[in-house]
Amino acid sequence: MATPAGLPDIDDNRSTWAANNPAPEPYSPLVGDTSADVAIVGGGFTGMSTAYHLARRWPERRVVLLEAKRLANGGSGRNGGLMLNWVNGVEPGDPERAKSIFDATREGIDIIEGIIKEHALSVRWRRDGSLHVHTRSHGAEIAQAEVEALAGVGVPLRFLSGRDLPDTLRLAGARGAVLDPTAGHLDGVSYLRALAPVVAGLGVAIHEDTPVLSIVEGKECVLTTPRGTVRAKAIVLATNAYTPWLGYFKDQIFPLHAHVVSTEARDAATWAAKGWSPGVAGFDDDLDRIAYGCMTTRGEVVFGGGHNAAYGYRYGGKTSWDQPADFESVHRRFLQYMPDAADIPVAHRWTGPVALTWNRICAMGVRGEANNVYYALGYSGHGVTLANLAGKVLCDLYSGADERWRGQPFYRGPMAWMPPEPLRWIGYHVVTALTGKSPRKRGVRH
């Protein structure tokens, strides 16, 4: 298939994050048999944050991290780059409950910032706010009232009217927006590659190119890899959308493949003339097929969503990153928001896995007969923040000092049953074909 005009030719599925961060020397694969206090499966945000917090709290314990390919290979390195607050699918019901959720997710972003600053990591990131854009006047009015109620309990949001919004971000059709000044953007590849030497320096054994082929649970779990085994007193499933391939949560999550594009880099003055002020990191909107974008520190706009074709669901979990028409629909939606950017070419396009739960609420907990299989997954699009928070939550669960998380929607959250394949695939496509919408539960979207 010929590549549509305006889109680059591609021969891989590299995000702008991967393309602009030179790959370091890989960590060696696991060869032979070893033992550990904790074995972590997955080298993305969840796995690396868990390894970091475990090693900081218990330096004497042996932690082994197994990554099937390279660190940040999955959704952590192929996402839209936004660090956002809130938990998808949750309707708090009152301002105090909302503040509790906001404070928890804000801590996830604080953790990222704290690690970057404490270890002086060379990371591309910014934390100068993100907008939740409303495209309907009625929704904007409701959002303004919600912001006023949340301000009364100390949630630091600000409402921007349709008149005020162009001074920050000029999007065609926007009727208003809620500014969250604590949100931002993170280049996950630069973050995880900079964090890896810190984690290794804390004593964690990192093994890349080491897929886990099977897990046998027990008081001592046995993880089999192509060239060796790990016997561990506890394990962490840090594989999010890939978790069903390990035999876990097969009927509770399903992977969508989110298509994302990024433009060529331009300076701040150019983007300001086209409608994007340098003072805001990103945005998402109120539509069912959520559109979102961020401005990188290099001056690229990363954009995803906005159309059914932006989210691929292939039976068997196969990706669809090589379908140019899907990416063309994403780029077209971006230009509907920012038509003045039509002269800036797309430089990169990629597909990243998103793990959805039926109610869109992620879950972090522990399971297994020996109560030693820890997990965090189903972030449903908020993985940059929640997966980094997950490392702290799982560490607290492991220690038994997890009281502070009880009552949070993700704490040992129940995940509803989904029908098996191919019924799940058929149901998804029937709903989207008939309604033009994704089967989802709306939560708080301030």
Protein backbone atom coordinates (compact mmCIF):
# COMPACT_ATOMS: atom_id res chain seq x y z
CA MET A 1 0.00 0.00 0.00
CA ALA A 2 1.34 3.42 -0.91
CA THR A 3 2.04 5.85 1.90
CA PRO A 4 -0.46 8.76 1.90
CA ALA A 5 0.88 12.25 1.29
CA GLY A 6 2.21 13.94 4.42
CA LEU A 7 3.12 10.71 6.19
CA PRO A 8 6.66 9.32 6.34
CA ASP A 9 7.70 5.93 5.04
CA ILE A 10 8.45 3.59 7.92
CA ASP A 11 10.13 0.24 8.27
CA ASP A 12 9.64 -0.20 12.01
CA ASN A 13 7.39 0.89 14.84
CA ARG A 14 9.66 3.40 16.56
CA SER A 15 8.16 6.30 18.44
CA THR A 16 9.72 9.74 18.41
CA TRP A 17 10.86 8.93 21.95
CA ALA A 18 12.88 5.94 20.69
CA ALA A 19 14.07 7.66 17.53
CA ASN A 20 15.53 10.62 19.42
CA ASN A 21 17.21 8.69 22.23
CA PRO A 22 20.25 6.65 21.16
CA ALA A 23 19.96 3.09 22.44
CA PRO A 24 22.57 2.23 25.08
CA GLU A 25 24.39 -1.07 25.29
CA PRO A 26 21.82 -3.73 26.20
CA TYR A 27 21.81 -5.47 29.53
CA SER A 28 22.79 -9.10 29.10
CA PRO A 29 20.13 -11.82 28.85
CA LEU A 30 19.65 -14.21 31.73
CA VAL A 31 21.78 -17.31 31.24
CA GLY A 32 21.58 -20.15 33.76
CA ASP A 33 19.59 -20.52 36.93
CA THR A 34 19.36 -17.93 39.69
CA SER A 35 17.26 -17.03 42.72
CA ALA A 36 15.72 -13.80 43.99
CA ASP A 37 13.63 -12.35 46.73
CA VAL A 38 11.55 -10.62 44.05
CA ALA A 39 11.47 -11.27 40.30
CA ILE A 40 9.89 -8.52 38.17
CA VAL A 41 8.54 -9.35 34.72
CA GLY A 42 8.61 -6.29 32.47
CA GLY A 43 10.98 -3.38 31.93
CA GLY A 44 8.56 -0.50 31.48
CA PHE A 45 7.29 2.10 33.92
CA THR A 46 5.66 -0.45 36.26
CA GLY A 47 8.62 -2.79 36.42
CA MET A 48 11.32 -0.16 36.71
CA SER A 49 9.46 1.91 39.29
CA THR A 50 8.82 -1.20 41.38
CA ALA A 51 12.47 -2.23 41.15
CA TYR A 52 13.57 1.27 42.17
CA HIS A 53 11.35 1.45 45.25
CA LEU A 54 12.11 -2.11 46.37
CA ALA A 55 15.86 -1.60 46.09
CA ARG A 56 15.72 1.72 47.91
CA ARG A 57 13.73 0.27 50.80
CA TRP A 58 15.42 -3.15 51.06
CA PRO A 59 18.95 -2.90 49.64
CA GLU A 60 19.84 -6.27 51.13
CA ARG A 61 17.22 -8.16 49.10
CA ARG A 62 17.91 -9.56 45.67
CA VAL A 63 15.69 -8.16 42.92
CA VAL A 64 15.83 -9.50 39.36
CA LEU A 65 14.09 -7.72 36.46
CA LEU A 66 13.37 -9.63 33.25
CA GLU A 67 12.50 -7.71 30.05
CA ALA A 68 11.46 -9.64 26.94
CA LYS A 69 13.06 -7.16 24.53
CA ARG A 70 14.53 -3.79 25.55
CA LEU A 71 13.59 -1.46 28.38
CA ALA A 72 10.69 0.81 27.36
CA ASN A 73 9.83 -1.46 24.43
CA GLY A 74 6.08 -1.58 25.20
CA GLY A 75 3.56 1.09 26.05
CA SER A 76 6.09 2.95 28.22
CA GLY A 77 8.07 3.84 25.11
CA ARG A 78 5.23 4.04 22.60
CA ASN A 79 2.67 6.35 24.17
CA GLY A 80 1.39 9.90 23.74
CA GLY A 81 3.69 11.35 26.39
CA LEU A 82 1.15 12.96 28.73
CA MET A 83 1.51 12.79 32.52
CA LEU A 84 -2.10 13.25 33.64
CA ASN A 85 -4.03 13.14 36.88
CA TRP A 86 -7.22 11.21 37.67
CA VAL A 87 -8.16 7.56 37.15
CA ASN A 88 -10.18 6.70 34.08
CA GLY A 89 -13.63 5.26 34.74
CA VAL A 90 -14.01 6.72 38.25
CA GLU A 91 -16.88 8.94 39.26
CA PRO A 92 -15.88 10.26 42.71
CA GLY A 93 -19.33 11.53 43.66
CA ASP A 94 -18.14 14.34 45.91
CA PRO A 95 -15.26 16.85 46.02
CA GLU A 96 -13.48 15.19 48.96
CA ARG A 97 -13.39 11.87 47.15
CA ALA A 98 -12.16 13.61 44.01
CA LYS A 99 -9.40 15.32 45.97
CA SER A 100 -8.25 11.98 47.37
CA ILE A 101 -7.91 10.54 43.87
CA PHE A 102 -6.25 13.69 42.53
CA ASP A 103 -3.75 13.70 45.39
CA ALA A 104 -2.86 10.04 44.74
CA THR A 105 -2.22 10.54 41.04
CA ARG A 106 -0.43 13.81 41.65
CA GLU A 107 1.92 11.83 43.88
CA GLY A 108 2.69 9.64 40.86
CA ILE A 109 3.84 12.69 38.92
CA ASP A 110 5.70 14.00 41.98
CA ILE A 111 7.56 10.68 42.18
CA ILE A 112 8.73 11.01 38.57
CA GLU A 113 9.88 14.59 39.13
CA GLY A 114 11.56 13.68 42.42
CA ILE A 115 13.55 10.82 40.88
CA ILE A 116 14.68 12.96 37.95
CA LYS A 117 15.89 15.72 40.25
CA GLU A 118 17.42 13.54 42.97
CA HIS A 119 19.54 11.58 40.51
CA ALA A 120 20.11 14.45 38.06
CA LEU A 121 18.77 12.34 35.20
CA SER A 122 19.08 13.62 31.65
CA VAL A 123 15.41 13.35 30.69
CA ARG A 124 13.16 15.24 28.30
CA TRP A 125 10.15 16.31 30.30
CA ARG A 126 8.10 19.31 31.30
CA ARG A 127 5.50 19.98 33.97
CA ASP A 128 3.77 23.22 33.13
CA GLY A 129 0.21 22.00 32.82
CA SER A 130 -2.22 20.21 30.54
CA LEU A 131 -5.71 21.10 29.35
CA HIS A 132 -8.86 19.01 29.28
CA VAL A 133 -10.72 20.58 26.37
CA HIS A 134 -14.50 20.74 26.07
CA THR A 135 -16.02 20.81 22.60
CA ARG A 136 -19.60 21.35 23.79
CA SER A 137 -20.88 24.48 25.53
CA HIS A 138 -22.99 22.51 28.01
CA GLY A 139 -20.04 20.35 29.00
CA ALA A 140 -17.88 23.43 29.46
CA GLU A 141 -20.49 24.95 31.81
CA ILE A 142 -20.59 21.77 33.90
CA ALA A 143 -16.79 21.66 34.02
CA GLN A 144 -16.63 25.26 35.25
CA ALA A 145 -18.98 24.42 38.12
CA GLU A 146 -16.94 21.30 38.96
CA VAL A 147 -13.72 23.29 39.04
CA GLU A 148 -15.26 25.78 41.45
CA ALA A 149 -16.41 22.95 43.75
CA LEU A 150 -12.99 21.28 43.65
CA ALA A 151 -11.23 24.57 44.38
CA GLY A 152 -13.07 24.58 47.69
CA VAL A 153 -11.22 21.43 48.79
CA GLY A 154 -7.83 22.47 47.43
CA VAL A 155 -7.67 20.86 43.99
CA PRO A 156 -5.62 23.39 41.96
CA LEU A 157 -7.54 23.44 38.66
CA ARG A 158 -8.46 26.50 36.63
CA PHE A 159 -11.23 26.91 34.08
CA LEU A 160 -10.49 28.71 30.81
CA SER A 161 -13.43 30.02 28.83
CA GLY A 162 -13.65 29.89 25.06
CA ARG A 163 -12.44 33.51 25.04
CA ASP A 164 -9.42 32.79 27.26
CA LEU A 165 -8.37 29.51 25.64
CA PRO A 166 -6.77 30.92 22.45
CA ASP A 167 -4.13 32.67 24.56
CA THR A 168 -2.92 29.22 25.63
CA LEU A 169 -4.01 26.75 22.95
CA ARG A 170 -6.07 27.70 19.91
CA LEU A 171 -8.08 24.61 18.95
CA ALA A 172 -10.86 24.85 16.39
CA GLY A 173 -14.21 24.07 18.02
CA ALA A 174 -13.08 24.33 21.64
CA ARG A 175 -15.69 25.88 23.96
CA GLY A 176 -13.57 25.91 27.11
CA ALA A 177 -10.98 23.91 28.99
CA VAL A 178 -9.79 22.93 32.45
CA LEU A 179 -6.12 23.64 33.12
CA ASP A 180 -4.32 21.25 35.45
CA PRO A 181 -1.02 23.01 36.27
CA THR A 182 0.41 19.89 37.95
CA ALA A 183 0.26 17.73 34.80
CA GLY A 184 2.84 17.61 32.03
CA HIS A 185 4.76 15.55 29.48
CA LEU A 186 7.40 12.83 29.85
CA ASP A 187 9.63 11.21 27.25
CA GLY A 188 9.40 7.69 28.65
CA VAL A 189 12.32 6.28 26.70
CA SER A 190 14.74 8.93 27.90
CA TYR A 191 13.41 8.49 31.45
CA LEU A 192 13.73 4.71 31.62
CA ARG A 193 17.11 4.64 29.90
CA ALA A 194 18.44 7.26 32.33
CA LEU A 195 16.89 5.45 35.30
CA ALA A 196 18.30 2.03 34.41
CA PRO A 197 21.89 2.69 35.62
CA VAL A 198 20.47 4.06 38.89
CA VAL A 199 18.37 0.93 39.39
CA ALA A 200 21.28 -1.32 38.49
CA GLY A 201 23.50 0.67 40.85
CA LEU A 202 21.05 -0.07 43.65
CA GLY A 203 21.74 -3.77 43.11
CA VAL A 204 18.91 -4.82 40.81
CA ALA A 205 19.91 -7.42 38.22
CA ILE A 206 18.45 -6.24 34.90
CA HIS A 207 18.21 -8.73 32.03
CA GLU A 208 17.03 -7.67 28.57
CA ASP A 209 16.16 -10.02 25.71
CA THR A 210 14.78 -12.39 28.34
CA PRO A 211 11.12 -13.26 27.77
CA VAL A 212 9.39 -15.24 30.48
CA LEU A 213 7.95 -18.38 28.90
CA SER A 214 6.12 -19.79 31.89
CA ILE A 215 5.44 -19.14 35.56
CA VAL A 216 4.82 -21.84 38.16
CA GLU A 217 3.41 -20.40 41.36
CA GLY A 218 4.14 -21.57 44.88
CA LYS A 219 5.86 -20.41 48.03
CA GLU A 220 8.77 -20.17 45.65
CA CYS A 221 7.74 -19.20 42.12
CA VAL A 222 9.67 -20.55 39.15
CA LEU A 223 10.03 -18.40 36.04
CA THR A 224 11.34 -20.11 32.93
CA THR A 225 13.14 -18.12 30.23
CA PRO A 226 14.82 -19.34 27.00
CA ARG A 227 18.23 -19.71 28.63
CA GLY A 228 17.61 -20.00 32.33
CA THR A 229 15.24 -19.92 35.28
CA VAL A 230 14.57 -17.69 38.26
CA ARG A 231 13.30 -19.00 41.58
CA ALA A 232 11.72 -16.15 43.52
CA LYS A 233 9.89 -15.73 46.81
CA ALA A 234 7.65 -13.15 45.15
CA ILE A 235 7.01 -12.01 41.59
CA VAL A 236 5.67 -8.81 40.03
CA LEU A 237 3.61 -8.87 36.84
CA ALA A 238 4.64 -5.58 35.27
CA THR A 239 3.55 -6.39 31.73
CA ASN A 240 0.24 -4.45 31.42
CA ALA A 241 -1.23 -5.18 27.94
CA TYR A 242 1.02 -8.22 27.53
CA THR A 243 -0.09 -9.87 30.80
CA PRO A 244 -2.63 -12.28 29.20
CA TRP A 245 0.26 -13.87 27.28
CA LEU A 246 1.62 -14.98 30.66
CA GLY A 247 -1.71 -16.65 31.46
CA TYR A 248 -3.04 -13.95 33.81
CA PHE A 249 -6.12 -11.71 33.53
CA LYS A 250 -7.07 -13.16 30.14
CA ASP A 251 -10.75 -12.45 30.75
CA GLN A 252 -10.31 -9.06 32.41
CA ILE A 253 -8.22 -6.90 30.10
CA PHE A 254 -7.87 -6.54 26.37
CA PRO A 255 -5.26 -4.66 24.37
CA LEU A 256 -6.08 -1.84 22.02
CA HIS A 257 -3.35 -0.52 19.76
CA ALA A 258 -3.30 3.27 19.85
CA HIS A 259 -1.97 5.01 16.74
CA VAL A 260 0.13 8.12 17.33
CA VAL A 261 1.91 10.59 15.04
CA SER A 262 4.46 13.29 15.72
CA THR A 263 5.37 16.28 13.62
CA GLU A 264 8.76 17.61 12.71
CA ALA A 265 10.24 19.94 15.31
CA ARG A 266 9.63 23.68 15.10
CA ASP A 267 10.61 26.54 17.38
CA ALA A 268 8.26 28.05 19.96
CA ALA A 269 7.56 31.15 17.87
CA THR A 270 6.39 29.05 14.93
CA TRP A 271 4.03 27.02 17.10
CA ALA A 272 2.73 30.13 18.85
CA ALA A 273 1.81 31.61 15.47
CA LYS A 274 -0.09 28.43 14.67
CA GLY A 275 -1.96 28.47 17.97
CA TRP A 276 0.10 26.52 20.54
CA SER A 277 1.53 28.71 23.28
CA PRO A 278 4.83 27.58 24.81
CA GLY A 279 3.17 27.73 28.25
CA VAL A 280 1.20 24.45 28.16
CA ALA A 281 2.50 20.91 27.74
CA GLY A 282 -0.54 19.18 26.27
CA PHE A 283 -4.25 18.53 26.07
CA ASP A 284 -6.93 15.90 25.77
CA ASP A 285 -10.58 16.34 24.80
CA ASP A 286 -14.07 15.29 25.91
CA LEU A 287 -14.98 13.11 22.94
CA ASP A 288 -15.62 9.40 23.20
CA ARG A 289 -12.70 8.64 20.92
CA ILE A 290 -10.39 10.79 22.99
CA ALA A 291 -7.92 12.94 21.07
CA TYR A 292 -4.79 14.08 22.85
CA GLY A 293 -1.57 15.87 22.12
CA CYS A 294 1.58 17.17 23.74
CA MET A 295 4.37 19.57 22.84
CA THR A 296 7.76 17.98 23.37
CA THR A 297 10.82 19.81 24.60
CA ARG A 298 12.22 19.40 21.08
CA GLY A 299 9.30 21.32 19.58
CA GLU A 300 7.37 18.38 18.10
CA VAL A 301 3.64 17.93 18.51
CA VAL A 302 2.70 14.37 19.39
CA PHE A 303 -0.95 13.59 18.63
CA GLY A 304 -3.18 10.53 18.90
CA GLY A 305 -6.79 9.42 18.98
CA GLY A 306 -9.83 11.26 17.71
CA HIS A 307 -11.22 8.57 15.42
CA ASN A 308 -12.22 4.88 15.50
CA ALA A 309 -9.33 4.08 13.18
CA ALA A 310 -6.94 5.53 15.77
CA TYR A 311 -7.53 2.52 18.01
CA GLY A 312 -6.94 -0.88 16.45
CA TYR A 313 -8.16 -4.09 18.03
CA ARG A 314 -6.97 -7.17 16.22
CA TYR A 315 -8.10 -10.63 17.23
CA GLY A 316 -5.14 -12.40 18.78
CA GLY A 317 -3.57 -9.12 19.83
CA LYS A 318 -1.67 -8.48 16.61
CA THR A 319 -0.69 -4.87 16.11
CA SER A 320 -1.67 -2.78 13.12
CA TRP A 321 1.14 -0.25 13.05
CA ASP A 322 1.75 -0.80 9.34
CA GLN A 323 -1.68 0.48 8.21
CA PRO A 324 -1.04 3.95 6.72
CA ALA A 325 -4.74 4.83 6.43
CA ASP A 326 -5.16 4.58 10.21
CA PHE A 327 -2.36 7.05 10.79
CA GLU A 328 -3.73 9.33 8.09
CA SER A 329 -7.02 9.55 10.03
CA VAL A 330 -5.10 10.55 13.16
CA HIS A 331 -3.19 13.26 11.33
CA ARG A 332 -6.41 14.49 9.73
CA ARG A 333 -8.02 14.85 13.15
CA PHE A 334 -5.04 16.87 14.37
CA LEU A 335 -5.42 19.25 11.44
CA GLN A 336 -9.11 19.66 12.23
CA TYR A 337 -8.02 21.04 15.59
CA MET A 338 -5.02 22.99 14.25
CA PRO A 339 -5.51 23.66 10.53
CA ASP A 340 -2.65 26.18 10.45
CA ALA A 341 -0.22 23.31 11.09
CA ALA A 342 -0.90 21.68 7.73
CA ASP A 343 2.51 22.77 6.43
CA ILE A 344 4.42 20.92 9.17
CA PRO A 345 5.13 17.35 8.05
CA VAL A 346 4.70 14.24 10.15
CA ALA A 347 8.07 12.81 11.11
CA HIS A 348 7.18 9.67 13.06
CA ARG A 349 4.21 7.37 13.50
CA TRP A 350 3.79 4.39 15.77
CA THR A 351 1.37 2.13 17.58
CA GLY A 352 1.49 1.44 21.29
CA PRO A 353 -0.42 -1.15 23.34
CA VAL A 354 -3.11 0.11 25.73
CA ALA A 355 -4.54 -2.30 28.31
CA LEU A 356 -8.24 -1.67 28.88
CA THR A 357 -10.47 -2.99 31.62
CA TRP A 358 -14.23 -3.11 31.15
CA ASN A 359 -14.82 -0.20 33.54
CA ARG A 360 -11.55 1.53 32.55
CA ILE A 361 -10.26 1.41 36.16
CA CYS A 362 -6.78 -0.01 36.65
CA ALA A 363 -5.93 -2.50 39.37
CA MET A 364 -2.94 -2.88 41.68
CA GLY A 365 -2.83 -5.77 44.10
CA VAL A 366 -1.55 -9.21 45.07
CA ARG A 367 -2.90 -12.66 44.32
CA GLY A 368 -1.94 -16.34 44.28
CA GLU A 369 -2.25 -19.16 46.79
CA ALA A 370 0.93 -18.01 48.50
CA ASN A 371 -0.13 -14.33 48.25
CA ASN A 372 3.10 -13.51 46.47
CA VAL A 373 2.08 -12.57 42.91
CA TYR A 374 1.93 -8.79 42.69
CA TYR A 375 0.38 -6.98 39.74
CA ALA A 376 -0.51 -3.56 38.37
CA LEU A 377 -2.25 -3.22 35.01
CA GLY A 378 -5.22 -1.95 33.02
CA TYR A 379 -4.18 1.71 33.05
CA SER A 380 -6.61 2.45 30.19
CA GLY A 381 -4.65 5.36 28.78
CA HIS A 382 -3.25 6.94 31.96
CA GLY A 383 -0.23 4.69 32.23
CA VAL A 384 2.52 7.32 32.33
CA THR A 385 1.32 8.51 35.74
CA LEU A 386 -0.33 5.40 37.13
CA ALA A 387 2.39 2.92 36.17
CA ASN A 388 5.01 5.05 37.92
CA LEU A 389 2.75 5.35 40.95
CA ALA A 390 2.29 1.57 40.83
CA GLY A 391 5.89 0.97 41.88
CA LYS A 392 5.26 2.75 45.18
CA VAL A 393 1.90 1.04 45.72
CA LEU A 394 3.27 -2.45 45.04
CA CYS A 395 6.24 -1.78 47.30
CA ASP A 396 3.87 -0.80 50.09
CA LEU A 397 1.77 -3.91 49.46
CA TYR A 398 4.91 -6.02 49.63
CA SER A 399 5.87 -4.44 52.95
CA GLY A 400 2.37 -4.82 54.40
CA ALA A 401 2.21 -1.06 55.06
CA ASP A 402 -0.43 -0.34 52.44
CA GLU A 403 -3.14 1.28 54.58
CA ARG A 404 -2.86 4.64 52.87
CA TRP A 405 -3.95 3.17 49.53
CA ARG A 406 -7.02 1.41 50.83
CA GLY A 407 -10.07 3.15 49.48
CA GLN A 408 -8.36 4.22 46.26
CA PRO A 409 -10.22 2.89 43.21
CA PHE A 410 -7.16 1.02 41.92
CA TYR A 411 -6.30 -0.69 45.23
CA ARG A 412 -7.02 -4.38 44.67
CA GLY A 413 -9.71 -3.13 42.33
CA PRO A 414 -12.08 -5.75 40.93
CA MET A 415 -11.87 -6.11 37.16
CA ALA A 416 -15.07 -7.22 35.46
CA TRP A 417 -15.18 -10.41 33.40
CA MET A 418 -15.06 -10.07 29.63
CA PRO A 419 -16.29 -12.70 27.17
CA PRO A 420 -13.61 -14.88 25.58
CA GLU A 421 -12.30 -14.46 22.07
CA PRO A 422 -13.64 -14.29 19.43
CA LEU A 423 -16.82 -13.00 21.13
CA ARG A 424 -14.89 -10.10 22.65
CA TRP A 425 -13.50 -9.09 19.27
CA ILE A 426 -16.93 -9.38 17.62
CA GLY A 427 -18.63 -7.37 20.38
CA TYR A 428 -16.07 -4.59 20.23
CA HIS A 429 -16.32 -4.16 16.48
CA VAL A 430 -20.12 -4.40 16.41
CA VAL A 431 -20.43 -1.61 18.99
CA THR A 432 -17.90 0.66 17.29
CA ALA A 433 -19.37 0.03 13.82
CA LEU A 434 -22.97 0.74 14.90
CA THR A 435 -22.34 3.68 17.23
CA GLY A 436 -19.00 5.09 16.15
CA LYS A 437 -18.00 4.89 19.80
CA SER A 438 -15.85 2.71 21.99
CA PRO A 439 -17.64 0.62 24.63
CA ARG A 440 -16.48 2.51 27.70
CA LYS A 441 -17.55 3.94 31.01
CA ARG A 442 -17.01 7.64 31.40
CA GLY A 443 -15.36 8.77 34.58
CA VAL A 444 -14.39 12.15 35.93
CA ARG A 445 -12.77 14.19 33.17
CA HIS A 446 -12.05 17.60 34.65
